[in-house]
N, C-alpha and C. Protein backbone atom coordinates (compact mmCIF):
# COMPACT_ATOMS: atom_id res chain seq x y z
N UNK A 1 12.52 -0.32 22.54
CA UNK A 1 12.13 -1.70 22.72
C UNK A 1 12.08 -1.99 24.22
N UNK A 2 11.13 -2.83 24.59
CA UNK A 2 10.94 -3.20 25.97
C UNK A 2 10.81 -4.71 26.08
N UNK A 3 11.15 -5.26 27.24
CA UNK A 3 10.88 -6.67 27.49
C UNK A 3 9.40 -6.84 27.76
N UNK A 4 8.95 -8.07 27.84
CA UNK A 4 7.54 -8.34 28.16
C UNK A 4 7.18 -7.83 29.55
N UNK A 5 8.19 -7.68 30.40
CA UNK A 5 7.96 -7.18 31.75
C UNK A 5 7.98 -5.65 31.81
N UNK A 6 8.24 -4.99 30.68
CA UNK A 6 8.22 -3.53 30.62
C UNK A 6 9.56 -2.86 30.83
N UNK A 7 10.64 -3.62 30.91
CA UNK A 7 11.97 -3.04 31.09
C UNK A 7 12.49 -2.51 29.75
N UNK A 8 12.97 -1.25 29.76
CA UNK A 8 13.53 -0.64 28.55
C UNK A 8 14.79 -1.39 28.13
N UNK A 9 14.90 -1.69 26.82
CA UNK A 9 16.07 -2.40 26.28
C UNK A 9 16.89 -1.48 25.40
N UNK A 10 16.28 -0.90 24.36
CA UNK A 10 16.99 -0.02 23.44
C UNK A 10 16.00 0.74 22.57
N UNK A 11 16.52 1.70 21.84
CA UNK A 11 15.69 2.46 20.91
C UNK A 11 16.49 2.76 19.65
N UNK A 12 15.80 3.07 18.57
CA UNK A 12 16.44 3.53 17.35
C UNK A 12 15.53 4.55 16.69
N UNK A 13 16.10 5.34 15.81
CA UNK A 13 15.32 6.35 15.10
C UNK A 13 15.16 5.94 13.64
N UNK A 14 14.11 6.43 13.04
CA UNK A 14 13.82 6.15 11.64
C UNK A 14 13.69 7.48 10.90
N UNK A 15 14.54 7.67 9.93
CA UNK A 15 14.51 8.87 9.09
C UNK A 15 14.51 10.16 9.90
N UNK A 16 15.55 10.42 10.69
CA UNK A 16 15.58 11.64 11.50
C UNK A 16 15.57 12.92 10.67
N UNK A 17 15.89 12.82 9.38
CA UNK A 17 15.88 14.00 8.52
C UNK A 17 14.46 14.42 8.11
N UNK A 18 13.47 13.56 8.38
CA UNK A 18 12.09 13.88 8.04
C UNK A 18 11.57 14.96 8.99
N UNK A 19 11.02 15.99 8.42
CA UNK A 19 10.46 17.08 9.22
C UNK A 19 8.95 16.88 9.32
N UNK A 20 8.23 17.93 9.56
CA UNK A 20 6.77 17.85 9.64
C UNK A 20 6.34 17.00 10.81
N UNK A 21 5.51 16.01 10.56
CA UNK A 21 4.95 15.17 11.61
C UNK A 21 5.78 13.92 11.88
N UNK A 22 6.98 13.83 11.33
CA UNK A 22 7.83 12.67 11.57
C UNK A 22 7.52 11.51 10.67
N UNK A 23 8.30 10.43 10.80
CA UNK A 23 8.20 9.34 9.85
C UNK A 23 7.60 8.05 10.39
N UNK A 24 7.29 7.96 11.65
CA UNK A 24 6.70 6.74 12.19
C UNK A 24 5.28 7.04 12.68
N UNK A 25 4.30 6.65 11.88
CA UNK A 25 2.90 6.93 12.22
C UNK A 25 2.19 5.71 12.79
N UNK A 26 2.57 4.54 12.31
CA UNK A 26 1.94 3.29 12.75
C UNK A 26 2.90 2.18 12.36
N UNK A 27 2.79 1.02 13.01
CA UNK A 27 3.65 -0.09 12.61
C UNK A 27 2.92 -1.42 12.80
N UNK A 28 3.46 -2.43 12.11
CA UNK A 28 2.99 -3.80 12.26
C UNK A 28 4.22 -4.70 12.28
N UNK A 29 4.11 -5.83 12.94
CA UNK A 29 5.20 -6.80 12.95
C UNK A 29 5.09 -7.70 11.73
N UNK A 30 6.22 -8.16 11.21
CA UNK A 30 6.19 -9.14 10.13
C UNK A 30 5.61 -10.44 10.68
N UNK A 31 5.12 -11.28 9.79
CA UNK A 31 4.41 -12.49 10.23
C UNK A 31 5.30 -13.72 10.31
N UNK A 32 6.61 -13.57 10.08
CA UNK A 32 7.49 -14.72 10.27
C UNK A 32 7.55 -15.06 11.76
N UNK A 33 7.96 -16.27 12.07
CA UNK A 33 7.92 -16.74 13.47
C UNK A 33 8.66 -15.83 14.44
N UNK A 34 9.78 -15.28 14.04
CA UNK A 34 10.58 -14.42 14.92
C UNK A 34 10.17 -12.95 14.84
N UNK A 35 9.22 -12.62 13.97
CA UNK A 35 8.81 -11.23 13.75
C UNK A 35 10.05 -10.36 13.55
N UNK A 36 10.83 -10.73 12.55
CA UNK A 36 12.14 -10.12 12.28
C UNK A 36 12.05 -8.66 11.90
N UNK A 37 10.97 -8.26 11.27
CA UNK A 37 10.87 -6.91 10.74
C UNK A 37 9.69 -6.14 11.33
N UNK A 38 9.86 -4.83 11.36
CA UNK A 38 8.75 -3.92 11.61
C UNK A 38 8.38 -3.30 10.27
N UNK A 39 7.12 -3.20 9.99
CA UNK A 39 6.63 -2.50 8.81
C UNK A 39 6.05 -1.19 9.34
N UNK A 40 6.65 -0.08 8.92
CA UNK A 40 6.32 1.22 9.51
C UNK A 40 5.61 2.09 8.47
N UNK A 41 4.40 2.51 8.80
CA UNK A 41 3.66 3.45 7.96
C UNK A 41 4.21 4.85 8.21
N UNK A 42 4.67 5.48 7.15
CA UNK A 42 5.25 6.83 7.21
C UNK A 42 4.34 7.77 6.44
N UNK A 43 3.48 8.49 7.16
CA UNK A 43 2.52 9.38 6.52
C UNK A 43 3.12 10.66 5.99
N UNK A 44 4.27 11.04 6.48
CA UNK A 44 4.92 12.27 5.98
C UNK A 44 5.61 12.01 4.64
N UNK A 45 6.29 10.86 4.51
CA UNK A 45 6.98 10.51 3.27
C UNK A 45 6.15 9.59 2.37
N UNK A 46 5.00 9.12 2.89
CA UNK A 46 4.06 8.29 2.13
C UNK A 46 4.68 7.01 1.60
N UNK A 47 5.32 6.27 2.50
CA UNK A 47 5.89 4.97 2.18
C UNK A 47 5.66 4.03 3.37
N UNK A 48 5.87 2.75 3.13
CA UNK A 48 5.96 1.76 4.19
C UNK A 48 7.42 1.33 4.25
N UNK A 49 8.06 1.54 5.39
CA UNK A 49 9.45 1.14 5.58
C UNK A 49 9.48 -0.28 6.13
N UNK A 50 10.37 -1.11 5.61
CA UNK A 50 10.66 -2.43 6.18
C UNK A 50 11.94 -2.27 6.99
N UNK A 51 11.82 -2.42 8.30
CA UNK A 51 12.92 -2.13 9.22
C UNK A 51 13.26 -3.40 9.99
N UNK A 52 14.54 -3.72 10.06
CA UNK A 52 14.99 -4.87 10.85
C UNK A 52 14.81 -4.54 12.34
N UNK A 53 14.08 -5.40 13.04
CA UNK A 53 13.74 -5.13 14.44
C UNK A 53 14.94 -5.10 15.37
N UNK A 54 15.96 -5.89 15.10
CA UNK A 54 17.13 -5.96 15.99
C UNK A 54 17.86 -4.64 16.13
N UNK A 55 18.01 -3.91 14.99
CA UNK A 55 18.87 -2.73 15.03
C UNK A 55 18.29 -1.49 14.34
N UNK A 56 17.07 -1.60 13.78
CA UNK A 56 16.44 -0.44 13.16
C UNK A 56 16.93 -0.10 11.78
N UNK A 57 17.73 -0.97 11.15
CA UNK A 57 18.24 -0.70 9.81
C UNK A 57 17.13 -0.90 8.79
N UNK A 58 16.94 0.10 7.92
CA UNK A 58 15.93 0.04 6.88
C UNK A 58 16.36 -0.98 5.82
N UNK A 59 15.49 -1.95 5.55
CA UNK A 59 15.78 -2.98 4.56
C UNK A 59 15.11 -2.71 3.22
N UNK A 60 14.11 -1.85 3.21
CA UNK A 60 13.43 -1.53 1.96
C UNK A 60 12.23 -0.63 2.22
N UNK A 61 11.57 -0.27 1.13
CA UNK A 61 10.38 0.56 1.23
C UNK A 61 9.38 0.16 0.17
N UNK A 62 8.13 0.47 0.45
CA UNK A 62 7.04 0.17 -0.47
C UNK A 62 6.23 1.43 -0.68
N UNK A 63 5.88 1.70 -1.93
CA UNK A 63 5.02 2.82 -2.26
C UNK A 63 5.74 4.15 -2.33
N UNK A 64 4.98 5.16 -2.71
CA UNK A 64 5.43 6.55 -2.73
C UNK A 64 4.20 7.44 -2.81
N UNK A 65 4.42 8.74 -2.78
CA UNK A 65 3.31 9.68 -2.79
C UNK A 65 2.50 9.58 -4.08
N UNK A 66 1.21 9.59 -3.96
CA UNK A 66 0.33 9.56 -5.14
C UNK A 66 -1.04 9.04 -4.77
N UNK A 67 -1.90 8.97 -5.76
CA UNK A 67 -3.29 8.58 -5.52
C UNK A 67 -3.70 7.32 -6.27
N UNK A 68 -2.75 6.65 -6.92
CA UNK A 68 -3.04 5.41 -7.62
C UNK A 68 -2.81 4.21 -6.70
N UNK A 69 -3.17 3.04 -7.18
CA UNK A 69 -2.97 1.83 -6.39
C UNK A 69 -1.50 1.67 -6.03
N UNK A 70 -1.23 1.36 -4.77
CA UNK A 70 0.14 1.18 -4.30
C UNK A 70 0.84 2.47 -3.94
N UNK A 71 0.17 3.59 -4.13
CA UNK A 71 0.71 4.89 -3.73
C UNK A 71 -0.09 5.37 -2.52
N UNK A 72 0.44 6.37 -1.83
CA UNK A 72 -0.21 6.81 -0.60
C UNK A 72 -0.33 8.33 -0.54
N UNK A 73 -1.39 8.77 0.11
CA UNK A 73 -1.55 10.18 0.46
C UNK A 73 -1.95 10.23 1.93
N UNK A 74 -1.03 10.65 2.78
CA UNK A 74 -1.20 10.68 4.23
C UNK A 74 -1.50 9.29 4.77
N UNK A 75 -0.59 8.38 4.49
CA UNK A 75 -0.67 7.02 5.01
C UNK A 75 -0.71 7.08 6.53
N UNK A 76 -1.79 6.60 7.11
CA UNK A 76 -2.01 6.80 8.55
C UNK A 76 -2.07 5.50 9.33
N UNK A 77 -2.62 4.45 8.78
CA UNK A 77 -2.80 3.19 9.50
C UNK A 77 -2.19 2.03 8.71
N UNK A 78 -1.72 1.04 9.44
CA UNK A 78 -1.13 -0.15 8.84
C UNK A 78 -1.39 -1.32 9.77
N UNK A 79 -1.89 -2.41 9.23
CA UNK A 79 -2.12 -3.61 10.03
C UNK A 79 -1.87 -4.82 9.13
N UNK A 80 -1.39 -5.90 9.73
CA UNK A 80 -1.22 -7.15 8.97
C UNK A 80 -2.14 -8.20 9.56
N UNK A 81 -2.59 -9.12 8.71
CA UNK A 81 -3.43 -10.21 9.21
C UNK A 81 -2.59 -11.48 9.37
N UNK A 82 -3.20 -12.54 9.80
CA UNK A 82 -2.48 -13.79 10.08
C UNK A 82 -1.90 -14.42 8.82
N UNK A 83 -2.37 -14.03 7.65
CA UNK A 83 -1.85 -14.56 6.39
C UNK A 83 -0.68 -13.74 5.86
N UNK A 84 -0.38 -12.61 6.50
CA UNK A 84 0.72 -11.76 6.05
C UNK A 84 0.30 -10.65 5.12
N UNK A 85 -0.99 -10.54 4.83
CA UNK A 85 -1.48 -9.45 3.99
C UNK A 85 -1.47 -8.16 4.80
N UNK A 86 -1.24 -7.04 4.12
CA UNK A 86 -1.22 -5.74 4.77
C UNK A 86 -2.44 -4.93 4.35
N UNK A 87 -2.95 -4.16 5.29
CA UNK A 87 -4.04 -3.24 5.03
C UNK A 87 -3.59 -1.85 5.46
N UNK A 88 -3.80 -0.87 4.59
CA UNK A 88 -3.40 0.50 4.90
C UNK A 88 -4.62 1.41 4.86
N UNK A 89 -4.56 2.46 5.64
CA UNK A 89 -5.62 3.46 5.64
C UNK A 89 -5.00 4.84 5.48
N UNK A 90 -5.62 5.68 4.67
CA UNK A 90 -5.14 7.03 4.42
C UNK A 90 -6.16 8.05 4.92
N UNK A 91 -5.66 9.18 5.37
CA UNK A 91 -6.52 10.25 5.88
C UNK A 91 -6.38 11.48 5.01
N UNK A 92 -6.89 12.62 5.50
CA UNK A 92 -6.91 13.87 4.75
C UNK A 92 -7.75 13.63 3.51
N UNK A 93 -7.28 13.98 2.34
CA UNK A 93 -8.06 13.75 1.13
C UNK A 93 -7.80 12.38 0.53
N UNK A 94 -6.89 11.58 1.14
CA UNK A 94 -6.65 10.21 0.68
C UNK A 94 -7.89 9.36 0.87
N UNK A 95 -8.42 9.35 2.09
CA UNK A 95 -9.69 8.71 2.46
C UNK A 95 -9.94 7.37 1.78
N UNK A 96 -9.02 6.43 1.95
CA UNK A 96 -9.25 5.11 1.37
C UNK A 96 -8.46 4.06 2.14
N UNK A 97 -8.81 2.81 1.87
CA UNK A 97 -8.10 1.64 2.38
C UNK A 97 -7.51 0.91 1.19
N UNK A 98 -6.36 0.27 1.40
CA UNK A 98 -5.77 -0.57 0.38
C UNK A 98 -5.36 -1.88 1.02
N UNK A 99 -5.39 -2.95 0.22
CA UNK A 99 -4.96 -4.26 0.68
C UNK A 99 -3.79 -4.70 -0.18
N UNK A 100 -2.73 -5.18 0.48
CA UNK A 100 -1.55 -5.69 -0.21
C UNK A 100 -1.42 -7.17 0.15
N UNK A 101 -1.44 -8.03 -0.86
CA UNK A 101 -1.43 -9.48 -0.65
C UNK A 101 0.00 -10.00 -0.67
N UNK A 102 0.36 -10.79 0.34
CA UNK A 102 1.66 -11.44 0.39
C UNK A 102 1.68 -12.54 -0.67
N UNK A 103 2.54 -12.40 -1.66
CA UNK A 103 2.54 -13.30 -2.81
C UNK A 103 3.25 -14.61 -2.52
N UNK A 104 4.35 -14.59 -1.80
CA UNK A 104 5.17 -15.78 -1.58
C UNK A 104 4.80 -16.46 -0.27
N UNK A 105 3.55 -16.61 -0.01
CA UNK A 105 3.01 -17.11 1.24
C UNK A 105 3.49 -18.54 1.54
N UNK A 106 4.31 -18.70 2.59
CA UNK A 106 4.67 -20.03 3.08
C UNK A 106 5.63 -20.81 2.22
N UNK A 107 6.17 -20.26 1.15
CA UNK A 107 7.10 -21.00 0.31
C UNK A 107 8.49 -20.93 0.90
N UNK A 108 9.22 -22.00 0.79
CA UNK A 108 10.57 -22.06 1.31
C UNK A 108 11.51 -21.21 0.47
N UNK A 109 12.39 -20.47 1.11
CA UNK A 109 13.35 -19.60 0.43
C UNK A 109 14.70 -20.31 0.35
N UNK A 110 14.90 -21.17 -0.62
CA UNK A 110 16.17 -21.91 -0.74
C UNK A 110 17.04 -21.34 -1.83
């Protein structure tokens, strides 16, 4: 992590037990005001990790290896739009895009 001025602040690792090409291929910030989470595309394990930005603790995961909707094969790209929807792109023989819609858009969590 760096400040806006480029000064190094801290770092953390994600899934150091992952071999091959590693577990962090792409990331997007959560769309809440504080951008509390990083959503990390992991092409080696074929999941999206939800990671707390402050300390790198994994809060959850989405998807797994496969070729059906919501599954991934070489998950390579991840981007979120202003509405909080996620778009993923797969490479190798995956060769597709998927869209994940944020269901609880703007509702208060009481």
